[in-house]
N, C-alpha and C. Protein backbone atom coordinates (compact mmCIF):
# COMPACT_ATOMS: atom_id res chain seq x y z
N MET A 1 -128.53 117.26 139.42
CA MET A 1 -128.88 118.42 140.18
C MET A 1 -128.92 119.62 139.24
N ILE A 2 -129.98 120.42 139.29
CA ILE A 2 -130.10 121.60 138.46
C ILE A 2 -130.08 122.82 139.36
N ARG A 3 -129.34 123.81 138.96
CA ARG A 3 -129.20 125.02 139.74
C ARG A 3 -129.71 126.19 138.91
N ARG A 4 -130.58 127.00 139.47
CA ARG A 4 -131.13 128.15 138.75
C ARG A 4 -130.65 129.43 139.40
N VAL A 5 -130.22 130.36 138.57
CA VAL A 5 -129.74 131.64 139.06
C VAL A 5 -130.42 132.74 138.25
N VAL A 6 -130.97 133.72 138.92
CA VAL A 6 -131.58 134.86 138.24
C VAL A 6 -130.66 136.05 138.43
N THR A 7 -130.20 136.62 137.31
CA THR A 7 -129.29 137.75 137.35
C THR A 7 -129.85 138.84 136.44
N ALA A 8 -130.12 139.99 136.98
CA ALA A 8 -130.61 141.14 136.22
C ALA A 8 -131.80 140.77 135.35
N GLY A 9 -132.72 139.99 135.89
CA GLY A 9 -133.93 139.64 135.17
C GLY A 9 -133.76 138.52 134.16
N VAL A 10 -132.58 137.92 134.06
CA VAL A 10 -132.33 136.84 133.10
C VAL A 10 -132.16 135.55 133.89
N LEU A 11 -132.90 134.54 133.49
CA LEU A 11 -132.82 133.24 134.15
C LEU A 11 -131.75 132.41 133.46
N THR A 12 -130.78 131.96 134.22
CA THR A 12 -129.72 131.11 133.71
C THR A 12 -129.84 129.76 134.41
N ILE A 13 -129.82 128.69 133.62
CA ILE A 13 -129.92 127.34 134.20
C ILE A 13 -128.64 126.58 133.90
N TRP A 14 -128.06 126.05 134.95
CA TRP A 14 -126.88 125.20 134.81
C TRP A 14 -127.27 123.80 135.21
N ALA A 15 -126.95 122.86 134.38
CA ALA A 15 -127.16 121.46 134.73
C ALA A 15 -125.80 120.88 135.08
N LEU A 16 -125.71 120.35 136.26
CA LEU A 16 -124.45 119.76 136.69
C LEU A 16 -124.47 118.29 136.30
N ALA A 17 -123.66 117.97 135.30
CA ALA A 17 -123.65 116.61 134.79
C ALA A 17 -122.24 116.05 134.78
N ALA A 18 -121.51 116.29 135.82
CA ALA A 18 -120.12 115.84 135.88
C ALA A 18 -120.02 114.33 135.74
N SER A 19 -120.97 113.59 136.34
CA SER A 19 -120.88 112.14 136.25
C SER A 19 -121.12 111.67 134.82
N ALA A 20 -122.00 112.33 134.08
CA ALA A 20 -122.24 111.94 132.68
C ALA A 20 -121.02 112.25 131.82
N VAL A 21 -120.37 113.37 132.08
CA VAL A 21 -119.17 113.72 131.33
C VAL A 21 -118.06 112.73 131.63
N ALA A 22 -117.90 112.37 132.88
CA ALA A 22 -116.84 111.44 133.25
C ALA A 22 -117.05 110.06 132.64
N ALA A 23 -118.32 109.67 132.44
CA ALA A 23 -118.62 108.35 131.91
C ALA A 23 -118.54 108.29 130.38
N ALA A 24 -118.46 109.45 129.72
CA ALA A 24 -118.42 109.47 128.26
C ALA A 24 -117.11 108.87 127.76
N PRO A 25 -117.18 108.07 126.70
CA PRO A 25 -115.95 107.50 126.15
C PRO A 25 -115.10 108.59 125.51
N PRO A 26 -113.80 108.37 125.41
CA PRO A 26 -112.94 109.36 124.77
C PRO A 26 -113.33 109.48 123.29
N PRO A 27 -113.08 110.64 122.71
CA PRO A 27 -113.43 110.80 121.30
C PRO A 27 -112.67 109.80 120.44
N GLY A 28 -113.31 109.35 119.39
CA GLY A 28 -112.68 108.38 118.49
C GLY A 28 -111.81 109.07 117.46
N PRO A 29 -111.26 108.29 116.56
CA PRO A 29 -110.36 108.85 115.55
C PRO A 29 -111.10 109.74 114.56
N VAL A 30 -110.36 110.68 114.03
CA VAL A 30 -110.86 111.56 112.97
C VAL A 30 -110.03 111.26 111.73
N ILE A 31 -110.72 110.90 110.65
CA ILE A 31 -110.05 110.55 109.40
C ILE A 31 -110.29 111.66 108.40
N GLY A 32 -109.22 112.27 107.96
CA GLY A 32 -109.32 113.33 106.97
C GLY A 32 -109.51 112.76 105.57
N ILE A 33 -110.18 113.53 104.75
CA ILE A 33 -110.34 113.21 103.33
C ILE A 33 -109.64 114.34 102.58
N GLU A 34 -108.57 113.98 101.87
CA GLU A 34 -107.82 114.99 101.15
C GLU A 34 -107.09 114.38 99.98
N GLU A 35 -106.96 115.19 98.93
CA GLU A 35 -106.28 114.76 97.71
C GLU A 35 -106.87 113.47 97.17
N PHE A 36 -108.21 113.37 97.22
CA PHE A 36 -108.96 112.23 96.69
C PHE A 36 -108.51 110.90 97.32
N ARG A 37 -108.32 110.95 98.66
CA ARG A 37 -108.04 109.72 99.40
C ARG A 37 -108.45 109.92 100.85
N PHE A 38 -108.68 108.79 101.53
CA PHE A 38 -108.92 108.81 102.97
C PHE A 38 -107.55 108.77 103.62
N ALA A 39 -107.29 109.66 104.58
CA ALA A 39 -105.96 109.81 105.17
C ALA A 39 -105.46 108.53 105.82
N ALA A 40 -106.35 107.71 106.37
CA ALA A 40 -105.95 106.42 106.96
C ALA A 40 -106.56 105.31 106.12
N ALA A 41 -105.71 104.48 105.52
CA ALA A 41 -106.21 103.37 104.72
C ALA A 41 -106.93 102.34 105.58
N ALA A 42 -106.51 102.23 106.84
CA ALA A 42 -107.15 101.32 107.80
C ALA A 42 -106.95 101.87 109.20
N VAL A 43 -107.99 101.71 110.00
CA VAL A 43 -107.91 102.11 111.40
C VAL A 43 -108.57 101.01 112.22
N THR A 44 -107.98 100.67 113.38
CA THR A 44 -108.54 99.65 114.26
C THR A 44 -109.04 100.33 115.53
N VAL A 45 -110.30 100.03 115.89
CA VAL A 45 -110.94 100.67 117.05
C VAL A 45 -111.68 99.62 117.87
N PRO A 46 -111.92 99.89 119.15
CA PRO A 46 -112.75 98.98 119.95
C PRO A 46 -114.23 99.19 119.65
N VAL A 47 -115.02 98.16 119.95
CA VAL A 47 -116.47 98.26 119.80
C VAL A 47 -116.97 99.47 120.59
N GLY A 48 -117.92 100.19 120.03
CA GLY A 48 -118.49 101.36 120.69
C GLY A 48 -117.83 102.67 120.32
N THR A 49 -116.80 102.62 119.49
CA THR A 49 -116.07 103.83 119.10
C THR A 49 -116.81 104.56 117.99
N THR A 50 -116.81 105.88 118.07
CA THR A 50 -117.34 106.71 117.00
C THR A 50 -116.17 107.23 116.17
N VAL A 51 -116.24 106.99 114.87
CA VAL A 51 -115.22 107.47 113.94
C VAL A 51 -115.83 108.66 113.19
N THR A 52 -115.03 109.69 113.00
CA THR A 52 -115.48 110.88 112.28
C THR A 52 -114.58 111.11 111.07
N TRP A 53 -115.21 111.40 109.95
CA TRP A 53 -114.50 111.74 108.71
C TRP A 53 -114.74 113.21 108.43
N VAL A 54 -113.68 113.93 108.01
CA VAL A 54 -113.79 115.35 107.68
C VAL A 54 -113.23 115.56 106.28
N ASN A 55 -114.03 116.21 105.42
CA ASN A 55 -113.60 116.47 104.05
C ASN A 55 -112.75 117.74 104.00
N HIS A 56 -111.49 117.59 103.64
CA HIS A 56 -110.58 118.72 103.48
C HIS A 56 -110.33 119.04 102.02
N ASP A 57 -110.96 118.29 101.11
CA ASP A 57 -110.82 118.52 99.68
C ASP A 57 -111.74 119.64 99.22
N GLU A 58 -111.47 120.16 98.04
CA GLU A 58 -112.34 121.16 97.45
C GLU A 58 -113.52 120.50 96.72
N GLU A 59 -113.47 119.20 96.53
CA GLU A 59 -114.53 118.45 95.87
C GLU A 59 -115.37 117.72 96.93
N PRO A 60 -116.65 117.50 96.68
CA PRO A 60 -117.46 116.72 97.63
C PRO A 60 -117.06 115.24 97.61
N HIS A 61 -117.25 114.58 98.76
CA HIS A 61 -116.98 113.15 98.89
C HIS A 61 -118.05 112.54 99.78
N THR A 62 -118.16 111.20 99.74
CA THR A 62 -119.04 110.48 100.66
C THR A 62 -118.20 109.46 101.42
N VAL A 63 -118.80 108.93 102.46
CA VAL A 63 -118.23 107.81 103.22
C VAL A 63 -119.32 106.75 103.18
N THR A 64 -119.11 105.72 102.35
CA THR A 64 -120.16 104.74 102.06
C THR A 64 -119.67 103.33 102.31
N SER A 65 -120.34 102.61 103.19
CA SER A 65 -119.99 101.22 103.49
C SER A 65 -120.31 100.32 102.30
N THR A 66 -119.42 99.37 102.03
CA THR A 66 -119.69 98.43 100.93
C THR A 66 -120.81 97.45 101.28
N THR A 67 -121.14 97.34 102.58
CA THR A 67 -122.22 96.44 103.02
C THR A 67 -123.48 97.20 103.42
N GLN A 68 -123.52 98.49 103.12
CA GLN A 68 -124.66 99.35 103.44
C GLN A 68 -124.86 99.54 104.95
N ALA A 69 -123.82 99.35 105.74
CA ALA A 69 -123.91 99.57 107.18
C ALA A 69 -124.07 101.06 107.49
N PHE A 70 -123.48 101.93 106.69
CA PHE A 70 -123.57 103.37 106.87
C PHE A 70 -123.31 104.06 105.54
N ALA A 71 -123.81 105.27 105.42
CA ALA A 71 -123.57 106.07 104.22
C ALA A 71 -123.78 107.54 104.58
N SER A 72 -122.80 108.33 104.25
CA SER A 72 -122.93 109.77 104.48
C SER A 72 -123.59 110.41 103.27
N PRO A 73 -124.13 111.60 103.47
CA PRO A 73 -124.50 112.40 102.30
C PRO A 73 -123.21 112.93 101.67
N GLY A 74 -123.31 113.62 100.57
CA GLY A 74 -122.14 114.27 99.99
C GLY A 74 -121.61 115.31 100.97
N LEU A 75 -120.34 115.24 101.26
CA LEU A 75 -119.71 116.16 102.22
C LEU A 75 -118.93 117.22 101.45
N ASP A 76 -119.31 118.48 101.63
CA ASP A 76 -118.56 119.58 101.03
C ASP A 76 -117.33 119.88 101.90
N THR A 77 -116.50 120.77 101.43
CA THR A 77 -115.28 121.15 102.15
C THR A 77 -115.62 121.56 103.58
N GLY A 78 -114.93 120.94 104.54
CA GLY A 78 -115.12 121.27 105.95
C GLY A 78 -116.24 120.52 106.63
N GLU A 79 -117.07 119.81 105.89
CA GLU A 79 -118.16 119.05 106.52
C GLU A 79 -117.66 117.71 107.02
N SER A 80 -118.39 117.15 108.00
CA SER A 80 -117.97 115.89 108.59
C SER A 80 -119.14 114.92 108.69
N PHE A 81 -118.78 113.65 108.90
CA PHE A 81 -119.74 112.57 109.09
C PHE A 81 -119.18 111.67 110.17
N SER A 82 -120.04 111.24 111.10
CA SER A 82 -119.61 110.34 112.17
C SER A 82 -120.48 109.10 112.19
N TYR A 83 -119.86 107.98 112.59
CA TYR A 83 -120.59 106.72 112.72
C TYR A 83 -120.04 105.98 113.93
N ARG A 84 -120.95 105.45 114.75
CA ARG A 84 -120.56 104.68 115.93
C ARG A 84 -120.60 103.20 115.58
N PHE A 85 -119.50 102.52 115.78
CA PHE A 85 -119.37 101.09 115.46
C PHE A 85 -119.73 100.27 116.69
N THR A 86 -120.86 99.56 116.62
CA THR A 86 -121.38 98.82 117.77
C THR A 86 -121.16 97.32 117.67
N ARG A 87 -120.61 96.85 116.55
CA ARG A 87 -120.36 95.41 116.38
C ARG A 87 -118.95 95.18 115.84
N PRO A 88 -118.30 94.12 116.28
CA PRO A 88 -116.97 93.82 115.74
C PRO A 88 -117.08 93.43 114.27
N GLY A 89 -115.98 93.64 113.57
CA GLY A 89 -115.92 93.27 112.16
C GLY A 89 -115.02 94.21 111.40
N THR A 90 -114.90 93.94 110.10
CA THR A 90 -114.14 94.80 109.21
C THR A 90 -115.13 95.51 108.30
N TYR A 91 -115.08 96.82 108.32
CA TYR A 91 -116.01 97.65 107.55
C TYR A 91 -115.23 98.36 106.44
N THR A 92 -115.38 97.88 105.24
CA THR A 92 -114.75 98.52 104.09
C THR A 92 -115.68 99.61 103.59
N TYR A 93 -115.12 100.74 103.23
CA TYR A 93 -115.94 101.85 102.74
C TYR A 93 -115.23 102.54 101.58
N PHE A 94 -116.00 103.37 100.87
CA PHE A 94 -115.49 104.05 99.69
C PHE A 94 -116.23 105.38 99.52
N CYS A 95 -115.79 106.18 98.58
CA CYS A 95 -116.50 107.39 98.21
C CYS A 95 -117.38 107.05 97.02
N ALA A 96 -118.68 107.23 97.16
CA ALA A 96 -119.62 106.89 96.08
C ALA A 96 -119.41 107.78 94.85
N LEU A 97 -118.82 108.94 95.02
CA LEU A 97 -118.57 109.85 93.90
C LEU A 97 -117.25 109.55 93.21
N HIS A 98 -116.34 108.93 93.94
CA HIS A 98 -115.01 108.59 93.44
C HIS A 98 -114.65 107.19 93.94
N PRO A 99 -115.21 106.14 93.33
CA PRO A 99 -115.10 104.77 93.86
C PRO A 99 -113.68 104.22 94.03
N HIS A 100 -112.70 104.87 93.42
CA HIS A 100 -111.31 104.41 93.62
C HIS A 100 -110.82 104.72 95.03
N MET A 101 -111.52 105.60 95.74
CA MET A 101 -111.16 105.95 97.12
C MET A 101 -111.73 104.89 98.05
N THR A 102 -110.87 104.09 98.67
CA THR A 102 -111.33 103.03 99.57
C THR A 102 -110.50 103.02 100.85
N ALA A 103 -111.09 102.50 101.91
CA ALA A 103 -110.39 102.32 103.18
C ALA A 103 -111.22 101.38 104.04
N ARG A 104 -110.78 101.14 105.27
CA ARG A 104 -111.55 100.24 106.14
C ARG A 104 -111.36 100.58 107.60
N VAL A 105 -112.38 100.21 108.37
CA VAL A 105 -112.36 100.33 109.82
C VAL A 105 -112.45 98.92 110.36
N ILE A 106 -111.51 98.54 111.22
CA ILE A 106 -111.52 97.22 111.86
C ILE A 106 -111.97 97.43 113.29
N VAL A 107 -113.05 96.75 113.67
CA VAL A 107 -113.64 96.93 114.99
C VAL A 107 -113.44 95.64 115.77
N ARG A 108 -112.81 95.73 116.95
CA ARG A 108 -112.52 94.55 117.78
C ARG A 108 -113.11 94.71 119.14
């Protein structure tokens, strides 16, 4: 249902989408990147979960799957990357700029 209201010559449109909001899955985990490491070495999530990584370092980092399932661009300080996991499995990832940084997402 869409409701339109005109106030002082300005058209404001509200879309009532309560059912869509209620059906949205809860936000997934947020993994910080700091001190040249991923804050969680491993995280387990259900299928359909979106995981978000946020770079808190002063250096750029990437989030790159070892199987090419996903790859972020270089993330500067404060930037984030999200990926939705639609299949079960273990997803190992690393920073392409600093390959010693590794972690994994386990999807069940």
